[in-house]
PDBML (XML) file of the C-alpha atoms, coordinates in Angstrom:
<?xml version="1.0" encoding="UTF-8" ?>
<PDBx:datablock datablockName="MODEL"
   xmlns:PDBx="http://pdbml.pdb.org/schema/pdbx-v50.xsd"
   xmlns:xsi="http://www.w3.org/2001/XMLSchema-instance"
   xsi:schemaLocation="http://pdbml.pdb.org/schema/pdbx-v50.xsd pdbx-v50.xsd">
   <PDBx:atom_siteCategory>
      <PDBx:atom_site id="1">
         <PDBx:B_iso_or_equiv>0.00</PDBx:B_iso_or_equiv>
         <PDBx:Cartn_x>12.733</PDBx:Cartn_x>
         <PDBx:Cartn_y>-44.348</PDBx:Cartn_y>
         <PDBx:Cartn_z>-40.700</PDBx:Cartn_z>
         <PDBx:auth_asym_id>A</PDBx:auth_asym_id>
         <PDBx:auth_atom_id>CA</PDBx:auth_atom_id>
         <PDBx:auth_comp_id>LEU</PDBx:auth_comp_id>
         <PDBx:auth_seq_id>1</PDBx:auth_seq_id>
         <PDBx:group_PDB>ATOM</PDBx:group_PDB>
         <PDBx:label_alt_id xsi:nil="true" />
         <PDBx:label_asym_id>A</PDBx:label_asym_id>
         <PDBx:label_atom_id>CA</PDBx:label_atom_id>
         <PDBx:label_comp_id>LEU</PDBx:label_comp_id>
         <PDBx:label_entity_id>1</PDBx:label_entity_id>
         <PDBx:label_seq_id>1</PDBx:label_seq_id>
         <PDBx:occupancy>1.00</PDBx:occupancy>
         <PDBx:pdbx_PDB_model_num>1</PDBx:pdbx_PDB_model_num>
         <PDBx:type_symbol>C</PDBx:type_symbol>
      </PDBx:atom_site>
      <PDBx:atom_site id="2">
         <PDBx:B_iso_or_equiv>0.00</PDBx:B_iso_or_equiv>
         <PDBx:Cartn_x>12.672</PDBx:Cartn_x>
         <PDBx:Cartn_y>-46.030</PDBx:Cartn_y>
         <PDBx:Cartn_z>-37.090</PDBx:Cartn_z>
         <PDBx:auth_asym_id>A</PDBx:auth_asym_id>
         <PDBx:auth_atom_id>CA</PDBx:auth_atom_id>
         <PDBx:auth_comp_id>VAL</PDBx:auth_comp_id>
         <PDBx:auth_seq_id>2</PDBx:auth_seq_id>
         <PDBx:group_PDB>ATOM</PDBx:group_PDB>
         <PDBx:label_alt_id xsi:nil="true" />
         <PDBx:label_asym_id>A</PDBx:label_asym_id>
         <PDBx:label_atom_id>CA</PDBx:label_atom_id>
         <PDBx:label_comp_id>VAL</PDBx:label_comp_id>
         <PDBx:label_entity_id>1</PDBx:label_entity_id>
         <PDBx:label_seq_id>2</PDBx:label_seq_id>
         <PDBx:occupancy>1.00</PDBx:occupancy>
         <PDBx:pdbx_PDB_model_num>1</PDBx:pdbx_PDB_model_num>
         <PDBx:type_symbol>C</PDBx:type_symbol>
      </PDBx:atom_site>
      <PDBx:atom_site id="3">
         <PDBx:B_iso_or_equiv>0.00</PDBx:B_iso_or_equiv>
         <PDBx:Cartn_x>13.255</PDBx:Cartn_x>
         <PDBx:Cartn_y>-49.648</PDBx:Cartn_y>
         <PDBx:Cartn_z>-37.612</PDBx:Cartn_z>
         <PDBx:auth_asym_id>A</PDBx:auth_asym_id>
         <PDBx:auth_atom_id>CA</PDBx:auth_atom_id>
         <PDBx:auth_comp_id>GLY</PDBx:auth_comp_id>
         <PDBx:auth_seq_id>3</PDBx:auth_seq_id>
         <PDBx:group_PDB>ATOM</PDBx:group_PDB>
         <PDBx:label_alt_id xsi:nil="true" />
         <PDBx:label_asym_id>A</PDBx:label_asym_id>
         <PDBx:label_atom_id>CA</PDBx:label_atom_id>
         <PDBx:label_comp_id>GLY</PDBx:label_comp_id>
         <PDBx:label_entity_id>1</PDBx:label_entity_id>
         <PDBx:label_seq_id>3</PDBx:label_seq_id>
         <PDBx:occupancy>1.00</PDBx:occupancy>
         <PDBx:pdbx_PDB_model_num>1</PDBx:pdbx_PDB_model_num>
         <PDBx:type_symbol>C</PDBx:type_symbol>
      </PDBx:atom_site>
      <PDBx:atom_site id="4">
         <PDBx:B_iso_or_equiv>0.00</PDBx:B_iso_or_equiv>
         <PDBx:Cartn_x>14.909</PDBx:Cartn_x>
         <PDBx:Cartn_y>-49.133</PDBx:Cartn_y>
         <PDBx:Cartn_z>-41.154</PDBx:Cartn_z>
         <PDBx:auth_asym_id>A</PDBx:auth_asym_id>
         <PDBx:auth_atom_id>CA</PDBx:auth_atom_id>
         <PDBx:auth_comp_id>ASP</PDBx:auth_comp_id>
         <PDBx:auth_seq_id>4</PDBx:auth_seq_id>
         <PDBx:group_PDB>ATOM</PDBx:group_PDB>
         <PDBx:label_alt_id xsi:nil="true" />
         <PDBx:label_asym_id>A</PDBx:label_asym_id>
         <PDBx:label_atom_id>CA</PDBx:label_atom_id>
         <PDBx:label_comp_id>ASP</PDBx:label_comp_id>
         <PDBx:label_entity_id>1</PDBx:label_entity_id>
         <PDBx:label_seq_id>4</PDBx:label_seq_id>
         <PDBx:occupancy>1.00</PDBx:occupancy>
         <PDBx:pdbx_PDB_model_num>1</PDBx:pdbx_PDB_model_num>
         <PDBx:type_symbol>C</PDBx:type_symbol>
      </PDBx:atom_site>
      <PDBx:atom_site id="5">
         <PDBx:B_iso_or_equiv>0.00</PDBx:B_iso_or_equiv>
         <PDBx:Cartn_x>18.207</PDBx:Cartn_x>
         <PDBx:Cartn_y>-51.177</PDBx:Cartn_y>
         <PDBx:Cartn_z>-39.249</PDBx:Cartn_z>
         <PDBx:auth_asym_id>A</PDBx:auth_asym_id>
         <PDBx:auth_atom_id>CA</PDBx:auth_atom_id>
         <PDBx:auth_comp_id>VAL</PDBx:auth_comp_id>
         <PDBx:auth_seq_id>5</PDBx:auth_seq_id>
         <PDBx:group_PDB>ATOM</PDBx:group_PDB>
         <PDBx:label_alt_id xsi:nil="true" />
         <PDBx:label_asym_id>A</PDBx:label_asym_id>
         <PDBx:label_atom_id>CA</PDBx:label_atom_id>
         <PDBx:label_comp_id>VAL</PDBx:label_comp_id>
         <PDBx:label_entity_id>1</PDBx:label_entity_id>
         <PDBx:label_seq_id>5</PDBx:label_seq_id>
         <PDBx:occupancy>1.00</PDBx:occupancy>
         <PDBx:pdbx_PDB_model_num>1</PDBx:pdbx_PDB_model_num>
         <PDBx:type_symbol>C</PDBx:type_symbol>
      </PDBx:atom_site>
      <PDBx:atom_site id="6">
         <PDBx:B_iso_or_equiv>0.00</PDBx:B_iso_or_equiv>
         <PDBx:Cartn_x>19.178</PDBx:Cartn_x>
         <PDBx:Cartn_y>-52.767</PDBx:Cartn_y>
         <PDBx:Cartn_z>-42.709</PDBx:Cartn_z>
         <PDBx:auth_asym_id>A</PDBx:auth_asym_id>
         <PDBx:auth_atom_id>CA</PDBx:auth_atom_id>
         <PDBx:auth_comp_id>SER</PDBx:auth_comp_id>
         <PDBx:auth_seq_id>6</PDBx:auth_seq_id>
         <PDBx:group_PDB>ATOM</PDBx:group_PDB>
         <PDBx:label_alt_id xsi:nil="true" />
         <PDBx:label_asym_id>A</PDBx:label_asym_id>
         <PDBx:label_atom_id>CA</PDBx:label_atom_id>
         <PDBx:label_comp_id>SER</PDBx:label_comp_id>
         <PDBx:label_entity_id>1</PDBx:label_entity_id>
         <PDBx:label_seq_id>6</PDBx:label_seq_id>
         <PDBx:occupancy>1.00</PDBx:occupancy>
         <PDBx:pdbx_PDB_model_num>1</PDBx:pdbx_PDB_model_num>
         <PDBx:type_symbol>C</PDBx:type_symbol>
      </PDBx:atom_site>
      <PDBx:atom_site id="7">
         <PDBx:B_iso_or_equiv>0.00</PDBx:B_iso_or_equiv>
         <PDBx:Cartn_x>19.520</PDBx:Cartn_x>
         <PDBx:Cartn_y>-48.840</PDBx:Cartn_y>
         <PDBx:Cartn_z>-44.859</PDBx:Cartn_z>
         <PDBx:auth_asym_id>A</PDBx:auth_asym_id>
         <PDBx:auth_atom_id>CA</PDBx:auth_atom_id>
         <PDBx:auth_comp_id>GLY</PDBx:auth_comp_id>
         <PDBx:auth_seq_id>7</PDBx:auth_seq_id>
         <PDBx:group_PDB>ATOM</PDBx:group_PDB>
         <PDBx:label_alt_id xsi:nil="true" />
         <PDBx:label_asym_id>A</PDBx:label_asym_id>
         <PDBx:label_atom_id>CA</PDBx:label_atom_id>
         <PDBx:label_comp_id>GLY</PDBx:label_comp_id>
         <PDBx:label_entity_id>1</PDBx:label_entity_id>
         <PDBx:label_seq_id>7</PDBx:label_seq_id>
         <PDBx:occupancy>1.00</PDBx:occupancy>
         <PDBx:pdbx_PDB_model_num>1</PDBx:pdbx_PDB_model_num>
         <PDBx:type_symbol>C</PDBx:type_symbol>
      </PDBx:atom_site>
      <PDBx:atom_site id="8">
         <PDBx:B_iso_or_equiv>0.00</PDBx:B_iso_or_equiv>
         <PDBx:Cartn_x>16.909</PDBx:Cartn_x>
         <PDBx:Cartn_y>-49.768</PDBx:Cartn_y>
         <PDBx:Cartn_z>-47.203</PDBx:Cartn_z>
         <PDBx:auth_asym_id>A</PDBx:auth_asym_id>
         <PDBx:auth_atom_id>CA</PDBx:auth_atom_id>
         <PDBx:auth_comp_id>SER</PDBx:auth_comp_id>
         <PDBx:auth_seq_id>8</PDBx:auth_seq_id>
         <PDBx:group_PDB>ATOM</PDBx:group_PDB>
         <PDBx:label_alt_id xsi:nil="true" />
         <PDBx:label_asym_id>A</PDBx:label_asym_id>
         <PDBx:label_atom_id>CA</PDBx:label_atom_id>
         <PDBx:label_comp_id>SER</PDBx:label_comp_id>
         <PDBx:label_entity_id>1</PDBx:label_entity_id>
         <PDBx:label_seq_id>8</PDBx:label_seq_id>
         <PDBx:occupancy>1.00</PDBx:occupancy>
         <PDBx:pdbx_PDB_model_num>1</PDBx:pdbx_PDB_model_num>
         <PDBx:type_symbol>C</PDBx:type_symbol>
      </PDBx:atom_site>
      <PDBx:atom_site id="9">
         <PDBx:B_iso_or_equiv>0.00</PDBx:B_iso_or_equiv>
         <PDBx:Cartn_x>14.826</PDBx:Cartn_x>
         <PDBx:Cartn_y>-46.975</PDBx:Cartn_y>
         <PDBx:Cartn_z>-46.719</PDBx:Cartn_z>
         <PDBx:auth_asym_id>A</PDBx:auth_asym_id>
         <PDBx:auth_atom_id>CA</PDBx:auth_atom_id>
         <PDBx:auth_comp_id>ARG</PDBx:auth_comp_id>
         <PDBx:auth_seq_id>9</PDBx:auth_seq_id>
         <PDBx:group_PDB>ATOM</PDBx:group_PDB>
         <PDBx:label_alt_id xsi:nil="true" />
         <PDBx:label_asym_id>A</PDBx:label_asym_id>
         <PDBx:label_atom_id>CA</PDBx:label_atom_id>
         <PDBx:label_comp_id>ARG</PDBx:label_comp_id>
         <PDBx:label_entity_id>1</PDBx:label_entity_id>
         <PDBx:label_seq_id>9</PDBx:label_seq_id>
         <PDBx:occupancy>1.00</PDBx:occupancy>
         <PDBx:pdbx_PDB_model_num>1</PDBx:pdbx_PDB_model_num>
         <PDBx:type_symbol>C</PDBx:type_symbol>
      </PDBx:atom_site>
      <PDBx:atom_site id="10">
         <PDBx:B_iso_or_equiv>0.00</PDBx:B_iso_or_equiv>
         <PDBx:Cartn_x>12.293</PDBx:Cartn_x>
         <PDBx:Cartn_y>-49.865</PDBx:Cartn_y>
         <PDBx:Cartn_z>-46.261</PDBx:Cartn_z>
         <PDBx:auth_asym_id>A</PDBx:auth_asym_id>
         <PDBx:auth_atom_id>CA</PDBx:auth_atom_id>
         <PDBx:auth_comp_id>THR</PDBx:auth_comp_id>
         <PDBx:auth_seq_id>10</PDBx:auth_seq_id>
         <PDBx:group_PDB>ATOM</PDBx:group_PDB>
         <PDBx:label_alt_id xsi:nil="true" />
         <PDBx:label_asym_id>A</PDBx:label_asym_id>
         <PDBx:label_atom_id>CA</PDBx:label_atom_id>
         <PDBx:label_comp_id>THR</PDBx:label_comp_id>
         <PDBx:label_entity_id>1</PDBx:label_entity_id>
         <PDBx:label_seq_id>10</PDBx:label_seq_id>
         <PDBx:occupancy>1.00</PDBx:occupancy>
         <PDBx:pdbx_PDB_model_num>1</PDBx:pdbx_PDB_model_num>
         <PDBx:type_symbol>C</PDBx:type_symbol>
      </PDBx:atom_site>
      <PDBx:atom_site id="11">
         <PDBx:B_iso_or_equiv>0.00</PDBx:B_iso_or_equiv>
         <PDBx:Cartn_x>11.474</PDBx:Cartn_x>
         <PDBx:Cartn_y>-51.472</PDBx:Cartn_y>
         <PDBx:Cartn_z>-43.167</PDBx:Cartn_z>
         <PDBx:auth_asym_id>A</PDBx:auth_asym_id>
         <PDBx:auth_atom_id>CA</PDBx:auth_atom_id>
         <PDBx:auth_comp_id>VAL</PDBx:auth_comp_id>
         <PDBx:auth_seq_id>11</PDBx:auth_seq_id>
         <PDBx:group_PDB>ATOM</PDBx:group_PDB>
         <PDBx:label_alt_id xsi:nil="true" />
         <PDBx:label_asym_id>A</PDBx:label_asym_id>
         <PDBx:label_atom_id>CA</PDBx:label_atom_id>
         <PDBx:label_comp_id>VAL</PDBx:label_comp_id>
         <PDBx:label_entity_id>1</PDBx:label_entity_id>
         <PDBx:label_seq_id>11</PDBx:label_seq_id>
         <PDBx:occupancy>1.00</PDBx:occupancy>
         <PDBx:pdbx_PDB_model_num>1</PDBx:pdbx_PDB_model_num>
         <PDBx:type_symbol>C</PDBx:type_symbol>
      </PDBx:atom_site>
      <PDBx:atom_site id="12">
         <PDBx:B_iso_or_equiv>0.00</PDBx:B_iso_or_equiv>
         <PDBx:Cartn_x>10.200</PDBx:Cartn_x>
         <PDBx:Cartn_y>-54.557</PDBx:Cartn_y>
         <PDBx:Cartn_z>-43.960</PDBx:Cartn_z>
         <PDBx:auth_asym_id>A</PDBx:auth_asym_id>
         <PDBx:auth_atom_id>CA</PDBx:auth_atom_id>
         <PDBx:auth_comp_id>ASN</PDBx:auth_comp_id>
         <PDBx:auth_seq_id>12</PDBx:auth_seq_id>
         <PDBx:group_PDB>ATOM</PDBx:group_PDB>
         <PDBx:label_alt_id xsi:nil="true" />
         <PDBx:label_asym_id>A</PDBx:label_asym_id>
         <PDBx:label_atom_id>CA</PDBx:label_atom_id>
         <PDBx:label_comp_id>ASN</PDBx:label_comp_id>
         <PDBx:label_entity_id>1</PDBx:label_entity_id>
         <PDBx:label_seq_id>12</PDBx:label_seq_id>
         <PDBx:occupancy>1.00</PDBx:occupancy>
         <PDBx:pdbx_PDB_model_num>1</PDBx:pdbx_PDB_model_num>
         <PDBx:type_symbol>C</PDBx:type_symbol>
      </PDBx:atom_site>
      <PDBx:atom_site id="13">
         <PDBx:B_iso_or_equiv>0.00</PDBx:B_iso_or_equiv>
         <PDBx:Cartn_x>10.710</PDBx:Cartn_x>
         <PDBx:Cartn_y>-58.515</PDBx:Cartn_y>
         <PDBx:Cartn_z>-42.970</PDBx:Cartn_z>
         <PDBx:auth_asym_id>A</PDBx:auth_asym_id>
         <PDBx:auth_atom_id>CA</PDBx:auth_atom_id>
         <PDBx:auth_comp_id>ALA</PDBx:auth_comp_id>
         <PDBx:auth_seq_id>13</PDBx:auth_seq_id>
         <PDBx:group_PDB>ATOM</PDBx:group_PDB>
         <PDBx:label_alt_id xsi:nil="true" />
         <PDBx:label_asym_id>A</PDBx:label_asym_id>
         <PDBx:label_atom_id>CA</PDBx:label_atom_id>
         <PDBx:label_comp_id>ALA</PDBx:label_comp_id>
         <PDBx:label_entity_id>1</PDBx:label_entity_id>
         <PDBx:label_seq_id>13</PDBx:label_seq_id>
         <PDBx:occupancy>1.00</PDBx:occupancy>
         <PDBx:pdbx_PDB_model_num>1</PDBx:pdbx_PDB_model_num>
         <PDBx:type_symbol>C</PDBx:type_symbol>
      </PDBx:atom_site>
      <PDBx:atom_site id="14">
         <PDBx:B_iso_or_equiv>0.00</PDBx:B_iso_or_equiv>
         <PDBx:Cartn_x>14.694</PDBx:Cartn_x>
         <PDBx:Cartn_y>-58.333</PDBx:Cartn_y>
         <PDBx:Cartn_z>-43.741</PDBx:Cartn_z>
         <PDBx:auth_asym_id>A</PDBx:auth_asym_id>
         <PDBx:auth_atom_id>CA</PDBx:auth_atom_id>
         <PDBx:auth_comp_id>VAL</PDBx:auth_comp_id>
         <PDBx:auth_seq_id>14</PDBx:auth_seq_id>
         <PDBx:group_PDB>ATOM</PDBx:group_PDB>
         <PDBx:label_alt_id xsi:nil="true" />
         <PDBx:label_asym_id>A</PDBx:label_asym_id>
         <PDBx:label_atom_id>CA</PDBx:label_atom_id>
         <PDBx:label_comp_id>VAL</PDBx:label_comp_id>
         <PDBx:label_entity_id>1</PDBx:label_entity_id>
         <PDBx:label_seq_id>14</PDBx:label_seq_id>
         <PDBx:occupancy>1.00</PDBx:occupancy>
         <PDBx:pdbx_PDB_model_num>1</PDBx:pdbx_PDB_model_num>
         <PDBx:type_symbol>C</PDBx:type_symbol>
      </PDBx:atom_site>
      <PDBx:atom_site id="15">
         <PDBx:B_iso_or_equiv>0.00</PDBx:B_iso_or_equiv>
         <PDBx:Cartn_x>14.553</PDBx:Cartn_x>
         <PDBx:Cartn_y>-55.975</PDBx:Cartn_y>
         <PDBx:Cartn_z>-40.657</PDBx:Cartn_z>
         <PDBx:auth_asym_id>A</PDBx:auth_asym_id>
         <PDBx:auth_atom_id>CA</PDBx:auth_atom_id>
         <PDBx:auth_comp_id>ASP</PDBx:auth_comp_id>
         <PDBx:auth_seq_id>15</PDBx:auth_seq_id>
         <PDBx:group_PDB>ATOM</PDBx:group_PDB>
         <PDBx:label_alt_id xsi:nil="true" />
         <PDBx:label_asym_id>A</PDBx:label_asym_id>
         <PDBx:label_atom_id>CA</PDBx:label_atom_id>
         <PDBx:label_comp_id>ASP</PDBx:label_comp_id>
         <PDBx:label_entity_id>1</PDBx:label_entity_id>
         <PDBx:label_seq_id>15</PDBx:label_seq_id>
         <PDBx:occupancy>1.00</PDBx:occupancy>
         <PDBx:pdbx_PDB_model_num>1</PDBx:pdbx_PDB_model_num>
         <PDBx:type_symbol>C</PDBx:type_symbol>
      </PDBx:atom_site>
      <PDBx:atom_site id="16">
         <PDBx:B_iso_or_equiv>0.00</PDBx:B_iso_or_equiv>
         <PDBx:Cartn_x>12.416</PDBx:Cartn_x>
         <PDBx:Cartn_y>-58.036</PDBx:Cartn_y>
         <PDBx:Cartn_z>-38.180</PDBx:Cartn_z>
         <PDBx:auth_asym_id>A</PDBx:auth_asym_id>
         <PDBx:auth_atom_id>CA</PDBx:auth_atom_id>
         <PDBx:auth_comp_id>ILE</PDBx:auth_comp_id>
         <PDBx:auth_seq_id>16</PDBx:auth_seq_id>
         <PDBx:group_PDB>ATOM</PDBx:group_PDB>
         <PDBx:label_alt_id xsi:nil="true" />
         <PDBx:label_asym_id>A</PDBx:label_asym_id>
         <PDBx:label_atom_id>CA</PDBx:label_atom_id>
         <PDBx:label_comp_id>ILE</PDBx:label_comp_id>
         <PDBx:label_entity_id>1</PDBx:label_entity_id>
         <PDBx:label_seq_id>16</PDBx:label_seq_id>
         <PDBx:occupancy>1.00</PDBx:occupancy>
         <PDBx:pdbx_PDB_model_num>1</PDBx:pdbx_PDB_model_num>
         <PDBx:type_symbol>C</PDBx:type_symbol>
      </PDBx:atom_site>
      <PDBx:atom_site id="17">
         <PDBx:B_iso_or_equiv>0.00</PDBx:B_iso_or_equiv>
         <PDBx:Cartn_x>14.186</PDBx:Cartn_x>
         <PDBx:Cartn_y>-60.478</PDBx:Cartn_y>
         <PDBx:Cartn_z>-38.697</PDBx:Cartn_z>
         <PDBx:auth_asym_id>A</PDBx:auth_asym_id>
         <PDBx:auth_atom_id>CA</PDBx:auth_atom_id>
         <PDBx:auth_comp_id>SER</PDBx:auth_comp_id>
         <PDBx:auth_seq_id>17</PDBx:auth_seq_id>
         <PDBx:group_PDB>ATOM</PDBx:group_PDB>
         <PDBx:label_alt_id xsi:nil="true" />
         <PDBx:label_asym_id>A</PDBx:label_asym_id>
         <PDBx:label_atom_id>CA</PDBx:label_atom_id>
         <PDBx:label_comp_id>SER</PDBx:label_comp_id>
         <PDBx:label_entity_id>1</PDBx:label_entity_id>
         <PDBx:label_seq_id>17</PDBx:label_seq_id>
         <PDBx:occupancy>1.00</PDBx:occupancy>
         <PDBx:pdbx_PDB_model_num>1</PDBx:pdbx_PDB_model_num>
         <PDBx:type_symbol>C</PDBx:type_symbol>
      </PDBx:atom_site>
      <PDBx:atom_site id="18">
         <PDBx:B_iso_or_equiv>0.00</PDBx:B_iso_or_equiv>
         <PDBx:Cartn_x>17.941</PDBx:Cartn_x>
         <PDBx:Cartn_y>-58.930</PDBx:Cartn_y>
         <PDBx:Cartn_z>-38.090</PDBx:Cartn_z>
         <PDBx:auth_asym_id>A</PDBx:auth_asym_id>
         <PDBx:auth_atom_id>CA</PDBx:auth_atom_id>
         <PDBx:auth_comp_id>ALA</PDBx:auth_comp_id>
         <PDBx:auth_seq_id>18</PDBx:auth_seq_id>
         <PDBx:group_PDB>ATOM</PDBx:group_PDB>
         <PDBx:label_alt_id xsi:nil="true" />
         <PDBx:label_asym_id>A</PDBx:label_asym_id>
         <PDBx:label_atom_id>CA</PDBx:label_atom_id>
         <PDBx:label_comp_id>ALA</PDBx:label_comp_id>
         <PDBx:label_entity_id>1</PDBx:label_entity_id>
         <PDBx:label_seq_id>18</PDBx:label_seq_id>
         <PDBx:occupancy>1.00</PDBx:occupancy>
         <PDBx:pdbx_PDB_model_num>1</PDBx:pdbx_PDB_model_num>
         <PDBx:type_symbol>C</PDBx:type_symbol>
      </PDBx:atom_site>
      <PDBx:atom_site id="19">
         <PDBx:B_iso_or_equiv>0.00</PDBx:B_iso_or_equiv>
         <PDBx:Cartn_x>16.114</PDBx:Cartn_x>
         <PDBx:Cartn_y>-57.703</PDBx:Cartn_y>
         <PDBx:Cartn_z>-35.069</PDBx:Cartn_z>
         <PDBx:auth_asym_id>A</PDBx:auth_asym_id>
         <PDBx:auth_atom_id>CA</PDBx:auth_atom_id>
         <PDBx:auth_comp_id>VAL</PDBx:auth_comp_id>
         <PDBx:auth_seq_id>19</PDBx:auth_seq_id>
         <PDBx:group_PDB>ATOM</PDBx:group_PDB>
         <PDBx:label_alt_id xsi:nil="true" />
         <PDBx:label_asym_id>A</PDBx:label_asym_id>
         <PDBx:label_atom_id>CA</PDBx:label_atom_id>
         <PDBx:label_comp_id>VAL</PDBx:label_comp_id>
         <PDBx:label_entity_id>1</PDBx:label_entity_id>
         <PDBx:label_seq_id>19</PDBx:label_seq_id>
         <PDBx:occupancy>1.00</PDBx:occupancy>
         <PDBx:pdbx_PDB_model_num>1</PDBx:pdbx_PDB_model_num>
         <PDBx:type_symbol>C</PDBx:type_symbol>
      </PDBx:atom_site>
      <PDBx:atom_site id="20">
         <PDBx:B_iso_or_equiv>0.00</PDBx:B_iso_or_equiv>
         <PDBx:Cartn_x>14.974</PDBx:Cartn_x>
         <PDBx:Cartn_y>-61.117</PDBx:Cartn_y>
         <PDBx:Cartn_z>-34.124</PDBx:Cartn_z>
         <PDBx:auth_asym_id>A</PDBx:auth_asym_id>
         <PDBx:auth_atom_id>CA</PDBx:auth_atom_id>
         <PDBx:auth_comp_id>LYS</PDBx:auth_comp_id>
         <PDBx:auth_seq_id>20</PDBx:auth_seq_id>
         <PDBx:group_PDB>ATOM</PDBx:group_PDB>
         <PDBx:label_alt_id xsi:nil="true" />
         <PDBx:label_asym_id>A</PDBx:label_asym_id>
         <PDBx:label_atom_id>CA</PDBx:label_atom_id>
         <PDBx:label_comp_id>LYS</PDBx:label_comp_id>
         <PDBx:label_entity_id>1</PDBx:label_entity_id>
         <PDBx:label_seq_id>20</PDBx:label_seq_id>
         <PDBx:occupancy>1.00</PDBx:occupancy>
         <PDBx:pdbx_PDB_model_num>1</PDBx:pdbx_PDB_model_num>
         <PDBx:type_symbol>C</PDBx:type_symbol>
      </PDBx:atom_site>
      <PDBx:atom_site id="21">
         <PDBx:B_iso_or_equiv>0.00</PDBx:B_iso_or_equiv>
         <PDBx:Cartn_x>18.868</PDBx:Cartn_x>
         <PDBx:Cartn_y>-62.864</PDBx:Cartn_y>
         <PDBx:Cartn_z>-35.091</PDBx:Cartn_z>
         <PDBx:auth_asym_id>A</PDBx:auth_asym_id>
         <PDBx:auth_atom_id>CA</PDBx:auth_atom_id>
         <PDBx:auth_comp_id>ALA</PDBx:auth_comp_id>
         <PDBx:auth_seq_id>21</PDBx:auth_seq_id>
         <PDBx:group_PDB>ATOM</PDBx:group_PDB>
         <PDBx:label_alt_id xsi:nil="true" />
         <PDBx:label_asym_id>A</PDBx:label_asym_id>
         <PDBx:label_atom_id>CA</PDBx:label_atom_id>
         <PDBx:label_comp_id>ALA</PDBx:label_comp_id>
         <PDBx:label_entity_id>1</PDBx:label_entity_id>
         <PDBx:label_seq_id>21</PDBx:label_seq_id>
         <PDBx:occupancy>1.00</PDBx:occupancy>
         <PDBx:pdbx_PDB_model_num>1</PDBx:pdbx_PDB_model_num>
         <PDBx:type_symbol>C</PDBx:type_symbol>
      </PDBx:atom_site>
      <PDBx:atom_site id="22">
         <PDBx:B_iso_or_equiv>0.00</PDBx:B_iso_or_equiv>
         <PDBx:Cartn_x>19.799</PDBx:Cartn_x>
         <PDBx:Cartn_y>-60.507</PDBx:Cartn_y>
         <PDBx:Cartn_z>-32.208</PDBx:Cartn_z>
         <PDBx:auth_asym_id>A</PDBx:auth_asym_id>
         <PDBx:auth_atom_id>CA</PDBx:auth_atom_id>
         <PDBx:auth_comp_id>ARG</PDBx:auth_comp_id>
         <PDBx:auth_seq_id>22</PDBx:auth_seq_id>
         <PDBx:group_PDB>ATOM</PDBx:group_PDB>
         <PDBx:label_alt_id xsi:nil="true" />
         <PDBx:label_asym_id>A</PDBx:label_asym_id>
         <PDBx:label_atom_id>CA</PDBx:label_atom_id>
         <PDBx:label_comp_id>ARG</PDBx:label_comp_id>
         <PDBx:label_entity_id>1</PDBx:label_entity_id>
         <PDBx:label_seq_id>22</PDBx:label_seq_id>
         <PDBx:occupancy>1.00</PDBx:occupancy>
         <PDBx:pdbx_PDB_model_num>1</PDBx:pdbx_PDB_model_num>
         <PDBx:type_symbol>C</PDBx:type_symbol>
      </PDBx:atom_site>
      <PDBx:atom_site id="23">
         <PDBx:B_iso_or_equiv>0.00</PDBx:B_iso_or_equiv>
         <PDBx:Cartn_x>17.509</PDBx:Cartn_x>
         <PDBx:Cartn_y>-60.059</PDBx:Cartn_y>
         <PDBx:Cartn_z>-29.546</PDBx:Cartn_z>
         <PDBx:auth_asym_id>A</PDBx:auth_asym_id>
         <PDBx:auth_atom_id>CA</PDBx:auth_atom_id>
         <PDBx:auth_comp_id>ALA</PDBx:auth_comp_id>
         <PDBx:auth_seq_id>23</PDBx:auth_seq_id>
         <PDBx:group_PDB>ATOM</PDBx:group_PDB>
         <PDBx:label_alt_id xsi:nil="true" />
         <PDBx:label_asym_id>A</PDBx:label_asym_id>
         <PDBx:label_atom_id>CA</PDBx:label_atom_id>
         <PDBx:label_comp_id>ALA</PDBx:label_comp_id>
         <PDBx:label_entity_id>1</PDBx:label_entity_id>
         <PDBx:label_seq_id>23</PDBx:label_seq_id>
         <PDBx:occupancy>1.00</PDBx:occupancy>
         <PDBx:pdbx_PDB_model_num>1</PDBx:pdbx_PDB_model_num>
         <PDBx:type_symbol>C</PDBx:type_symbol>
      </PDBx:atom_site>
      <PDBx:atom_site id="24">
         <PDBx:B_iso_or_equiv>0.00</PDBx:B_iso_or_equiv>
         <PDBx:Cartn_x>19.292</PDBx:Cartn_x>
         <PDBx:Cartn_y>-59.851</PDBx:Cartn_y>
         <PDBx:Cartn_z>-26.272</PDBx:Cartn_z>
         <PDBx:auth_asym_id>A</PDBx:auth_asym_id>
         <PDBx:auth_atom_id>CA</PDBx:auth_atom_id>
         <PDBx:auth_comp_id>ASN</PDBx:auth_comp_id>
         <PDBx:auth_seq_id>24</PDBx:auth_seq_id>
         <PDBx:group_PDB>ATOM</PDBx:group_PDB>
         <PDBx:label_alt_id xsi:nil="true" />
         <PDBx:label_asym_id>A</PDBx:label_asym_id>
         <PDBx:label_atom_id>CA</PDBx:label_atom_id>
         <PDBx:label_comp_id>ASN</PDBx:label_comp_id>
         <PDBx:label_entity_id>1</PDBx:label_entity_id>
         <PDBx:label_seq_id>24</PDBx:label_seq_id>
         <PDBx:occupancy>1.00</PDBx:occupancy>
         <PDBx:pdbx_PDB_model_num>1</PDBx:pdbx_PDB_model_num>
         <PDBx:type_symbol>C</PDBx:type_symbol>
      </PDBx:atom_site>
      <PDBx:atom_site id="25">
         <PDBx:B_iso_or_equiv>0.00</PDBx:B_iso_or_equiv>
         <PDBx:Cartn_x>22.710</PDBx:Cartn_x>
         <PDBx:Cartn_y>-59.426</PDBx:Cartn_y>
         <PDBx:Cartn_z>-26.913</PDBx:Cartn_z>
         <PDBx:auth_asym_id>A</PDBx:auth_asym_id>
         <PDBx:auth_atom_id>CA</PDBx:auth_atom_id>
         <PDBx:auth_comp_id>PRO</PDBx:auth_comp_id>
         <PDBx:auth_seq_id>25</PDBx:auth_seq_id>
         <PDBx:group_PDB>ATOM</PDBx:group_PDB>
         <PDBx:label_alt_id xsi:nil="true" />
         <PDBx:label_asym_id>A</PDBx:label_asym_id>
         <PDBx:label_atom_id>CA</PDBx:label_atom_id>
         <PDBx:label_comp_id>PRO</PDBx:label_comp_id>
         <PDBx:label_entity_id>1</PDBx:label_entity_id>
         <PDBx:label_seq_id>25</PDBx:label_seq_id>
         <PDBx:occupancy>1.00</PDBx:occupancy>
         <PDBx:pdbx_PDB_model_num>1</PDBx:pdbx_PDB_model_num>
         <PDBx:type_symbol>C</PDBx:type_symbol>
      </PDBx:atom_site>
   </PDBx:atom_siteCategory>
</PDBx:datablock>
């Protein structure tokens, strides 16, 4: 599931926030 960075089996606001918080490193 592309975009499921939290491993929760769902792509949701948590994943979006996690990626935003790490943008550019």
